[in-house]
N, C-alpha and C. Protein backbone atom coordinates (compact mmCIF):
# COMPACT_ATOMS: atom_id res chain seq x y z
N UNK A 1 0.47 -1.30 0.28
CA UNK A 1 0.10 -0.20 -0.10
C UNK A 1 0.89 1.00 0.35
N UNK A 2 0.72 2.27 -1.08
CA UNK A 2 1.42 3.55 -0.80
C UNK A 2 1.08 4.37 -0.12
N UNK A 3 1.71 5.42 0.99
CA UNK A 3 1.36 6.45 1.26
C UNK A 3 1.58 7.35 1.22
N UNK A 4 0.34 8.68 1.27
CA UNK A 4 0.90 9.60 0.54
C UNK A 4 1.42 10.79 2.03
N UNK A 5 1.93 11.70 1.79
CA UNK A 5 1.94 12.72 2.96
C UNK A 5 2.40 13.78 1.66
N UNK A 6 1.83 15.33 2.97
CA UNK A 6 2.57 15.86 2.29
C UNK A 6 2.49 17.29 3.68
N UNK A 7 3.11 18.18 3.43
CA UNK A 7 3.27 19.57 4.63
C UNK A 7 3.38 20.13 3.94
N UNK A 8 3.03 21.34 5.08
CA UNK A 8 3.07 22.98 4.21
C UNK A 8 3.31 23.45 5.80
N UNK A 9 4.42 24.27 5.64
CA UNK A 9 4.99 25.64 6.18
C UNK A 9 4.43 26.61 6.21
N UNK A 10 3.53 27.62 6.88
CA UNK A 10 2.50 29.37 6.80
C UNK A 10 3.39 30.14 7.25
N UNK A 11 3.94 30.88 6.14
CA UNK A 11 4.64 31.99 6.65
C UNK A 11 6.22 32.26 6.99
N UNK A 12 6.69 30.43 6.82
CA UNK A 12 7.98 30.58 6.78
C UNK A 12 8.79 29.99 6.16
N UNK A 13 8.49 30.60 5.01
CA UNK A 13 9.21 30.04 3.64
C UNK A 13 9.99 29.19 3.45
N UNK A 14 9.38 27.13 3.87
CA UNK A 14 10.27 26.16 3.96
C UNK A 14 9.02 25.26 3.88
N UNK A 15 9.90 24.17 3.52
CA UNK A 15 8.44 22.35 3.35
C UNK A 15 9.40 21.62 3.90
N UNK A 16 8.85 20.80 4.77
CA UNK A 16 9.22 19.86 5.06
C UNK A 16 9.92 18.61 4.79
N UNK A 17 11.32 18.57 4.13
CA UNK A 17 11.35 17.77 3.00
C UNK A 17 11.42 15.79 3.14
N UNK A 18 10.00 15.15 2.05
CA UNK A 18 10.14 13.54 2.63
C UNK A 18 11.25 13.17 2.83
N UNK A 19 11.32 12.10 4.00
CA UNK A 19 11.81 11.60 4.31
C UNK A 19 13.70 12.17 4.71
N UNK A 20 13.34 13.41 4.74
CA UNK A 20 14.91 13.66 5.51
C UNK A 20 13.87 14.24 7.34
N UNK A 21 12.84 14.96 6.84
CA UNK A 21 11.86 15.37 8.41
C UNK A 21 13.06 16.58 8.56
N UNK A 22 13.34 17.51 8.15
CA UNK A 22 13.54 18.95 8.98
C UNK A 22 13.11 19.58 6.86
N UNK A 23 12.97 21.21 8.39
CA UNK A 23 13.09 21.99 6.58
C UNK A 23 13.88 22.02 5.89
N UNK A 24 13.65 22.58 5.15
CA UNK A 24 14.53 22.97 3.30
C UNK A 24 14.07 24.30 2.95
N UNK A 25 14.35 25.12 2.19
CA UNK A 25 14.54 26.71 2.20
C UNK A 25 14.27 26.56 0.62
N UNK A 26 12.93 27.34 0.72
CA UNK A 26 12.38 27.72 -0.47
C UNK A 26 12.23 29.18 -0.87
N UNK A 27 12.27 29.37 -1.98
CA UNK A 27 12.40 31.16 -1.98
C UNK A 27 11.07 31.52 -1.53
N UNK A 28 11.38 32.12 -1.56
CA UNK A 28 9.95 33.26 -0.66
C UNK A 28 10.64 34.18 0.62
N UNK A 29 9.33 35.14 0.82
CA UNK A 29 10.19 35.89 2.02
C UNK A 29 9.57 35.10 3.21
N UNK A 30 10.05 35.96 4.35
CA UNK A 30 9.60 35.22 6.08
C UNK A 30 9.42 36.50 6.68
N UNK A 31 7.96 36.49 7.47
CA UNK A 31 7.58 37.25 8.14
C UNK A 31 8.46 37.22 9.39
N UNK A 32 8.99 38.04 9.52
CA UNK A 32 9.97 38.33 11.30
C UNK A 32 8.58 38.88 12.06
N UNK A 33 8.54 37.83 13.19
CA UNK A 33 7.13 37.93 14.32
C UNK A 33 5.73 37.22 13.68
N UNK A 34 5.51 36.41 12.90
CA UNK A 34 4.28 35.72 12.47
C UNK A 34 4.44 34.37 12.82
N UNK A 35 3.70 34.53 13.22
CA UNK A 35 3.05 32.45 13.43
C UNK A 35 3.73 31.63 12.41
N UNK A 36 4.48 31.05 13.47
CA UNK A 36 4.61 29.86 12.13
C UNK A 36 4.04 29.18 12.54
N UNK A 37 3.68 28.04 11.43
CA UNK A 37 3.23 26.46 11.20
C UNK A 37 3.05 25.73 9.92
N UNK A 38 3.54 24.35 10.70
CA UNK A 38 3.13 23.65 9.93
C UNK A 38 2.49 22.23 10.07
N UNK A 39 2.20 21.81 8.31
CA UNK A 39 0.90 21.07 9.07
C UNK A 39 1.62 19.59 8.44
N UNK A 40 1.04 18.77 8.86
CA UNK A 40 1.48 16.76 8.05
C UNK A 40 0.92 16.60 8.09
N UNK A 41 0.18 15.72 6.98
CA UNK A 41 -1.14 15.05 6.49
C UNK A 41 -0.42 14.39 6.07
N UNK A 42 -0.49 12.48 6.70
CA UNK A 42 -0.14 11.61 5.65
C UNK A 42 -1.23 10.07 5.94
N UNK A 43 -1.61 9.66 4.68
CA UNK A 43 -2.90 8.24 5.18
C UNK A 43 -1.99 7.59 6.19
N UNK A 44 -2.67 6.07 6.60
CA UNK A 44 -1.50 5.82 7.57
C UNK A 44 -2.41 4.50 6.63
N UNK A 45 -1.75 3.56 6.98
CA UNK A 45 -2.58 1.69 6.96
C UNK A 45 -3.61 1.53 7.14
N UNK A 46 -4.38 0.70 7.27
CA UNK A 46 -5.53 0.31 7.26
C UNK A 46 -4.57 -1.59 7.93
N UNK A 47 -4.68 -1.11 9.17
CA UNK A 47 -3.49 -2.40 9.51
C UNK A 47 -3.80 -1.99 11.00
N UNK A 48 -2.80 -3.38 11.30
CA UNK A 48 -1.70 -3.46 12.51
C UNK A 48 -0.90 -1.89 13.13
N UNK A 49 -0.01 -1.98 11.68
CA UNK A 49 1.29 -0.83 11.04
C UNK A 49 0.16 0.84 11.39
N UNK A 50 -0.44 0.80 12.13
CA UNK A 50 -1.37 2.54 11.92
C UNK A 50 -1.25 2.71 12.69
N UNK A 51 -1.05 2.78 13.75
CA UNK A 51 -0.33 3.14 15.07
C UNK A 51 1.26 3.29 15.07
N UNK A 52 2.32 2.82 14.79
CA UNK A 52 4.26 3.18 14.20
C UNK A 52 3.91 3.52 13.17
N UNK A 53 3.34 3.61 12.00
CA UNK A 53 3.33 4.55 11.02
C UNK A 53 3.30 6.33 11.54
N UNK A 54 2.33 6.03 12.06
CA UNK A 54 1.20 7.69 12.87
C UNK A 54 2.54 8.22 14.12
N UNK A 55 2.87 7.00 14.46
CA UNK A 55 4.49 7.81 15.62
C UNK A 55 5.51 8.38 14.94
N UNK A 56 6.03 7.40 14.09
CA UNK A 56 7.03 8.04 13.11
C UNK A 56 6.75 8.97 12.26
N UNK A 57 4.99 9.49 12.16
CA UNK A 57 4.78 10.70 11.32
C UNK A 57 5.30 11.69 12.14
N UNK A 58 4.62 12.28 13.77
CA UNK A 58 4.71 12.45 14.56
C UNK A 58 5.92 13.28 15.00
N UNK A 59 7.13 12.45 14.61
CA UNK A 59 8.15 12.31 15.26
C UNK A 59 8.92 13.25 13.92
N UNK A 60 8.62 13.23 12.85
CA UNK A 60 9.10 13.81 12.41
C UNK A 60 8.12 15.27 12.20
N UNK A 61 7.15 15.45 12.05
CA UNK A 61 6.60 16.81 12.40
C UNK A 61 6.91 17.45 13.75
N UNK A 62 7.37 16.76 14.41
CA UNK A 62 7.80 17.74 16.04
C UNK A 62 8.81 17.61 16.14
N UNK A 63 10.06 17.69 14.78
CA UNK A 63 11.38 16.83 14.82
C UNK A 63 12.11 18.50 15.98
N UNK A 64 12.53 18.75 16.56
CA UNK A 64 13.03 19.38 17.55
C UNK A 64 11.99 20.02 18.99
N UNK A 65 11.11 19.26 19.49
CA UNK A 65 10.62 19.88 20.06
C UNK A 65 11.15 19.24 20.96
N UNK A 66 10.97 19.18 22.67
CA UNK A 66 10.98 19.40 24.02
C UNK A 66 10.74 17.26 23.57
N UNK A 67 11.69 17.03 24.33
CA UNK A 67 11.25 15.22 24.73
C UNK A 67 10.46 14.67 25.22
N UNK A 68 9.49 15.90 26.79
CA UNK A 68 7.89 15.20 26.93
C UNK A 68 6.61 15.67 26.14
N UNK A 69 6.76 16.47 25.49
CA UNK A 69 5.99 16.56 24.59
C UNK A 69 6.01 15.87 23.05
N UNK A 70 7.46 15.37 22.31
CA UNK A 70 7.33 14.12 22.26
C UNK A 70 6.55 13.34 22.30
N UNK A 71 7.13 12.84 23.66
CA UNK A 71 6.97 11.89 23.69
C UNK A 71 5.05 11.58 23.73
N UNK A 72 3.99 12.47 24.45
CA UNK A 72 3.14 12.56 24.51
C UNK A 72 2.31 12.52 23.56
N UNK A 73 2.86 13.20 21.84
CA UNK A 73 1.92 13.13 20.83
C UNK A 73 2.05 11.91 21.00
N UNK A 74 3.45 11.52 20.88
CA UNK A 74 3.27 10.00 19.55
C UNK A 74 2.28 9.24 20.55
N UNK A 75 2.74 8.52 22.21
CA UNK A 75 1.72 8.40 22.63
C UNK A 75 -0.23 8.41 21.95
N UNK A 76 -0.51 9.82 22.28
CA UNK A 76 -1.34 9.69 22.13
C UNK A 76 -2.69 9.41 20.72
N UNK A 77 -1.42 9.85 19.79
CA UNK A 77 -1.38 9.69 18.10
C UNK A 77 -1.04 7.75 18.08
N UNK A 78 -0.53 6.91 18.42
CA UNK A 78 -0.53 6.06 18.55
C UNK A 78 -1.91 5.18 18.87
N UNK A 79 -2.36 5.65 20.21
CA UNK A 79 -4.30 5.83 20.77
C UNK A 79 -4.54 5.82 19.85
N UNK A 80 -4.95 7.29 18.93
CA UNK A 80 -5.87 7.17 17.70
C UNK A 80 -5.83 6.26 17.35
N UNK A 81 -4.31 6.12 16.13
CA UNK A 81 -4.38 5.36 15.34
C UNK A 81 -5.27 3.99 15.64
N UNK A 82 -4.83 3.47 16.79
CA UNK A 82 -4.96 2.40 17.09
C UNK A 82 -6.58 2.50 17.08
N UNK A 83 -6.92 2.91 17.56
CA UNK A 83 -8.60 3.66 17.64
C UNK A 83 -9.03 2.86 16.45
N UNK A 84 -9.21 3.97 15.34
CA UNK A 84 -9.38 4.17 13.92
C UNK A 84 -9.34 3.26 13.20
N UNK A 85 -8.16 2.24 13.48
CA UNK A 85 -7.97 1.02 12.88
C UNK A 85 -9.22 -0.35 13.28
N UNK A 86 -9.60 0.28 14.72
CA UNK A 86 -9.59 -1.03 15.48
C UNK A 86 -11.04 -0.83 15.85
N UNK A 87 -12.08 0.40 15.16
CA UNK A 87 -13.28 0.57 14.99
C UNK A 87 -14.19 1.33 14.04
N UNK A 88 -13.33 1.41 13.50
CA UNK A 88 -13.20 2.09 12.20
C UNK A 88 -13.48 1.66 11.12
N UNK A 89 -13.47 2.68 9.33
CA UNK A 89 -12.93 1.77 8.20
C UNK A 89 -12.24 2.75 7.77
N UNK A 90 -11.18 2.11 6.32
CA UNK A 90 -10.41 2.82 6.08
C UNK A 90 -11.41 3.58 5.14
N UNK A 91 -10.48 5.01 4.86
CA UNK A 91 -9.50 5.25 5.04
C UNK A 91 -8.75 5.44 6.18
N UNK A 92 -7.90 6.05 6.15
CA UNK A 92 -7.18 6.60 8.04
C UNK A 92 -6.50 7.60 7.33
N UNK A 93 -6.89 8.72 8.40
CA UNK A 93 -5.19 10.02 7.89
C UNK A 93 -4.98 10.49 8.88
N UNK A 94 -4.18 11.44 8.78
CA UNK A 94 -3.53 11.64 10.27
C UNK A 94 -3.43 13.05 9.87
N UNK A 95 -3.50 13.66 10.41
CA UNK A 95 -2.86 15.39 10.41
C UNK A 95 -2.92 15.81 11.72
N UNK A 96 -1.22 16.69 12.05
CA UNK A 96 -0.84 16.96 12.50
C UNK A 96 -0.42 18.57 12.30
N UNK A 97 -0.93 19.62 13.51
CA UNK A 97 -0.47 21.10 13.15
C UNK A 97 0.08 21.25 14.23
N UNK A 98 1.18 21.51 13.85
CA UNK A 98 2.29 22.24 15.25
C UNK A 98 2.38 23.80 14.77
N UNK A 99 1.94 25.25 15.56
CA UNK A 99 2.10 26.35 15.95
C UNK A 99 2.88 27.73 16.30
N UNK A 100 3.47 27.79 16.25
CA UNK A 100 4.41 29.21 17.04
C UNK A 100 3.59 29.92 17.23
N UNK A 101 2.97 30.52 18.42
CA UNK A 101 2.30 31.72 18.37
C UNK A 101 3.05 32.93 18.32
N UNK A 102 2.63 33.67 17.75
CA UNK A 102 3.79 35.03 18.40
C UNK A 102 3.70 35.60 19.36
N UNK A 103 3.14 34.94 21.05
CA UNK A 103 3.27 35.01 21.89
C UNK A 103 4.36 33.96 22.32
N UNK A 104 4.52 33.09 21.69
CA UNK A 104 5.51 32.04 22.56
C UNK A 104 5.51 30.76 22.49
N UNK A 105 5.98 30.11 23.11
CA UNK A 105 5.78 28.61 23.24
C UNK A 105 4.73 28.29 21.84
N UNK A 106 4.49 26.45 22.07
CA UNK A 106 4.13 25.68 20.56
C UNK A 106 2.55 25.14 21.34
N UNK A 107 1.91 24.75 19.86
CA UNK A 107 0.68 24.53 20.05
C UNK A 107 0.78 23.06 18.79
N UNK A 108 0.59 22.08 19.36
CA UNK A 108 0.76 20.80 18.12
C UNK A 108 -1.06 20.78 18.27
N UNK A 109 -1.93 20.47 17.30
CA UNK A 109 -2.81 19.85 16.66
C UNK A 109 -3.15 18.26 16.67
N UNK A 110 -3.61 17.19 16.68
CA UNK A 110 -3.74 16.26 16.60
C UNK A 110 -4.68 15.47 16.08
N UNK A 111 -4.98 15.06 14.87
CA UNK A 111 -6.02 15.41 13.85
C UNK A 111 -6.03 13.67 13.92
N UNK A 112 -7.06 12.71 13.92
CA UNK A 112 -6.81 10.93 13.63
C UNK A 112 -8.91 10.93 12.66
N UNK A 113 -8.71 10.62 11.55
CA UNK A 113 -10.27 10.19 10.48
C UNK A 113 -10.09 9.03 10.26
N UNK A 114 -11.09 8.57 9.67
CA UNK A 114 -11.32 6.89 8.92
C UNK A 114 -12.57 7.23 8.71
N UNK A 115 -12.71 6.38 8.07
CA UNK A 115 -13.90 6.08 6.94
C UNK A 115 -15.36 5.79 7.54
N UNK A 116 -15.19 5.92 9.10
CA UNK A 116 -17.28 5.56 10.10
C UNK A 116 -17.16 4.13 10.70
N UNK A 117 -17.94 4.17 11.52
CA UNK A 117 -18.27 2.83 12.18
C UNK A 117 -19.64 3.30 12.36
N UNK A 118 -19.85 1.60 12.93
CA UNK A 118 -21.39 1.87 13.21
C UNK A 118 -22.19 2.22 14.29
N UNK A 119 -20.83 2.25 15.85
CA UNK A 119 -21.57 2.37 16.73
C UNK A 119 -21.53 3.74 17.22
N UNK A 120 -22.02 4.85 17.80
CA UNK A 120 -21.96 6.28 18.27
C UNK A 120 -20.71 6.04 19.26
N UNK A 121 -20.27 7.78 19.06
CA UNK A 121 -19.11 7.77 20.01
C UNK A 121 -19.49 7.81 21.22
N UNK A 122 -18.50 7.66 22.26
CA UNK A 122 -18.73 8.02 23.71
C UNK A 122 -19.16 9.57 23.92
N UNK A 123 -19.27 9.63 25.11
CA UNK A 123 -19.05 10.81 25.47
C UNK A 123 -18.27 11.55 25.99
N UNK A 124 -17.60 10.52 26.78
CA UNK A 124 -16.54 10.29 27.69
C UNK A 124 -15.92 9.07 27.74
N UNK A 125 -14.21 9.02 28.16
CA UNK A 125 -13.90 7.70 27.88
C UNK A 125 -14.73 6.73 28.74
N UNK A 126 -14.79 5.44 28.14
CA UNK A 126 -15.43 4.58 28.89
C UNK A 126 -13.95 3.65 29.87
N UNK A 127 -14.61 3.90 30.88
CA UNK A 127 -14.38 3.19 32.30
C UNK A 127 -13.28 1.56 31.66
N UNK A 128 -12.06 1.20 32.15
CA UNK A 128 -11.90 0.04 31.43
C UNK A 128 -11.52 -0.62 33.27
N UNK A 129 -12.42 -2.19 32.59
CA UNK A 129 -11.87 -2.66 34.27
C UNK A 129 -9.88 -3.39 34.30
N UNK A 130 -9.44 -2.97 35.43
CA UNK A 130 -8.63 -3.95 36.02
C UNK A 130 -7.78 -4.74 35.10
N UNK A 131 -8.83 -5.67 34.72
CA UNK A 131 -8.08 -6.77 34.02
C UNK A 131 -8.37 -6.10 32.68
N UNK A 132 -8.56 -5.57 32.06
CA UNK A 132 -8.67 -5.69 31.22
C UNK A 132 -7.11 -5.27 30.00
N UNK A 133 -7.28 -5.69 28.89
CA UNK A 133 -6.26 -5.81 28.04
C UNK A 133 -6.51 -4.80 27.16
N UNK A 134 -7.33 -3.74 26.73
CA UNK A 134 -7.52 -2.92 26.23
C UNK A 134 -8.74 -1.55 26.63
N UNK A 135 -8.72 -0.87 25.43
CA UNK A 135 -10.19 0.43 25.73
C UNK A 135 -10.05 1.66 27.60
N UNK A 136 -8.69 1.93 27.22
CA UNK A 136 -7.29 2.89 27.98
C UNK A 136 -7.11 3.95 26.99
N UNK A 137 -7.06 3.49 25.97
CA UNK A 137 -7.11 4.62 24.38
C UNK A 137 -7.55 6.37 24.55
N UNK A 138 -8.65 6.28 24.76
CA UNK A 138 -9.66 7.52 25.27
C UNK A 138 -8.94 7.93 26.73
N UNK A 139 -8.98 7.04 27.46
CA UNK A 139 -8.28 7.68 29.10
C UNK A 139 -7.11 7.97 28.79
N UNK A 140 -6.44 7.73 27.82
CA UNK A 140 -4.69 8.32 27.99
C UNK A 140 -4.54 9.20 27.36
N UNK A 141 -5.90 9.49 25.68
CA UNK A 141 -5.89 11.24 25.62
C UNK A 141 -6.30 12.08 26.53
N UNK A 142 -7.26 11.68 27.12
CA UNK A 142 -7.69 12.38 28.21
C UNK A 142 -6.63 12.98 29.45
N UNK A 143 -6.15 12.41 29.75
CA UNK A 143 -5.10 12.47 30.88
C UNK A 143 -4.06 13.63 30.18
N UNK A 144 -3.78 13.32 29.09
CA UNK A 144 -2.44 13.98 28.69
C UNK A 144 -2.70 15.04 27.48
N UNK A 145 -3.69 15.08 26.55
CA UNK A 145 -3.71 16.09 26.25
C UNK A 145 -4.81 17.59 26.47
N UNK A 146 -4.52 19.51 26.43
CA UNK A 146 -5.20 19.59 26.62
C UNK A 146 -6.30 19.62 26.13
N UNK A 147 -7.36 19.36 25.39
CA UNK A 147 -8.28 19.75 24.71
C UNK A 147 -8.57 18.34 23.70
N UNK A 148 -9.30 18.01 23.88
CA UNK A 148 -9.48 16.28 22.99
C UNK A 148 -11.40 16.25 22.37
N UNK A 149 -12.00 15.88 21.02
CA UNK A 149 -13.25 15.73 21.28
C UNK A 149 -13.30 14.10 20.12
N UNK A 150 -14.12 13.88 20.35
CA UNK A 150 -14.40 12.28 19.01
C UNK A 150 -15.46 12.73 18.28
N UNK A 151 -15.65 12.74 17.02
CA UNK A 151 -16.86 12.64 16.36
C UNK A 151 -17.25 11.09 15.67
N UNK A 152 -18.26 10.62 15.74
CA UNK A 152 -18.52 9.25 15.39
C UNK A 152 -19.82 9.55 14.12
N UNK A 153 -19.68 9.18 13.48
CA UNK A 153 -20.82 8.83 11.83
C UNK A 153 -20.52 8.25 10.78
N UNK A 154 -21.61 7.72 10.59
CA UNK A 154 -21.69 6.59 10.07
C UNK A 154 -20.07 6.70 8.68
N UNK A 155 -19.87 7.31 7.70
CA UNK A 155 -19.58 7.77 6.79
C UNK A 155 -17.98 9.08 7.09
N UNK A 156 -18.12 8.65 8.87
CA UNK A 156 -16.57 8.90 9.10
C UNK A 156 -15.91 9.19 10.35
N UNK A 157 -15.16 8.79 11.31
CA UNK A 157 -15.29 9.09 12.21
C UNK A 157 -13.86 10.28 12.91
N UNK A 158 -13.67 11.38 13.62
CA UNK A 158 -12.33 11.89 13.53
C UNK A 158 -12.55 11.95 14.98
N UNK A 159 -10.87 12.19 15.17
CA UNK A 159 -10.88 12.31 16.75
C UNK A 159 -9.28 13.12 16.59
N UNK A 160 -9.37 13.72 17.97
CA UNK A 160 -8.66 15.51 18.12
C UNK A 160 -8.23 15.61 18.95
N UNK A 161 -6.62 16.44 19.07
CA UNK A 161 -6.76 16.88 20.66
C UNK A 161 -5.92 17.54 20.19
N UNK A 162 -5.86 18.51 21.13
CA UNK A 162 -4.23 19.27 21.60
C UNK A 162 -4.17 20.00 22.49
N UNK A 163 -2.41 19.69 21.93
CA UNK A 163 -1.33 19.45 23.00
C UNK A 163 -0.82 21.54 22.78
N UNK A 164 0.17 22.15 24.24
CA UNK A 164 0.79 22.65 24.58
C UNK A 164 1.50 23.22 25.37
N UNK A 165 2.53 24.24 24.52
CA UNK A 165 3.83 24.13 26.10
C UNK A 165 4.34 25.72 25.78
N UNK A 166 3.86 26.01 27.40
CA UNK A 166 4.61 27.96 26.91
C UNK A 166 3.68 28.50 26.49
N UNK A 167 2.11 28.36 26.21
CA UNK A 167 1.07 29.02 26.40
C UNK A 167 -0.21 28.78 26.83
N UNK A 168 -1.08 29.82 26.99
CA UNK A 168 -2.10 29.34 27.48
C UNK A 168 -3.36 28.83 26.33
N UNK A 169 -3.82 27.29 26.85
CA UNK A 169 -4.76 27.02 26.46
C UNK A 169 -5.85 27.66 25.38
N UNK A 170 -5.79 27.66 24.05
CA UNK A 170 -6.69 28.67 23.14
C UNK A 170 -7.96 27.69 23.15
N UNK A 171 -8.68 29.29 23.37
CA UNK A 171 -10.49 28.55 23.62
C UNK A 171 -11.39 28.85 22.45
N UNK A 172 -11.13 28.97 21.22
CA UNK A 172 -11.28 28.48 20.09
C UNK A 172 -11.99 26.77 19.83
N UNK A 173 -13.21 27.35 19.29
CA UNK A 173 -14.56 26.02 18.26
C UNK A 173 -14.00 25.53 17.80
N UNK A 174 -13.78 24.10 17.54
CA UNK A 174 -12.67 23.58 16.13
C UNK A 174 -13.53 22.76 15.96
């Protein structure tokens, strides 16, 4: 299965080189003091490798960030990708938005979408029994993310979360 990955960087005059994982210069002007944003979008395999591919993509998108943020983002993304594979249908798509606001800090939004599932989304993370081997994914997301949501429909499911460091969490609706 071929995977499609695209990235864009807003107001920074660079793009993320595929396979290299670091910014490359591009012709254009950079705005001093502007909000710097990078978006990575990639298809995930519909199978057990979805979580692994998602973790690797997040590592590329968040290259150079603090280790704690990267660890949290990789764990959350792994859980969201696993849930999409286990409960949804193809296609699986990962989107990672990395923003450095003018006020400083870092804001990361992670979204995993799938082709939908037949059961409604829970309004809160389900409680897992101590002996259960699964069912803790959304509990982990809720514990680590500054904000999160899950929208389930017959034709598509969207799991989204936001991580912030050094800035107050945004209250904007998503």
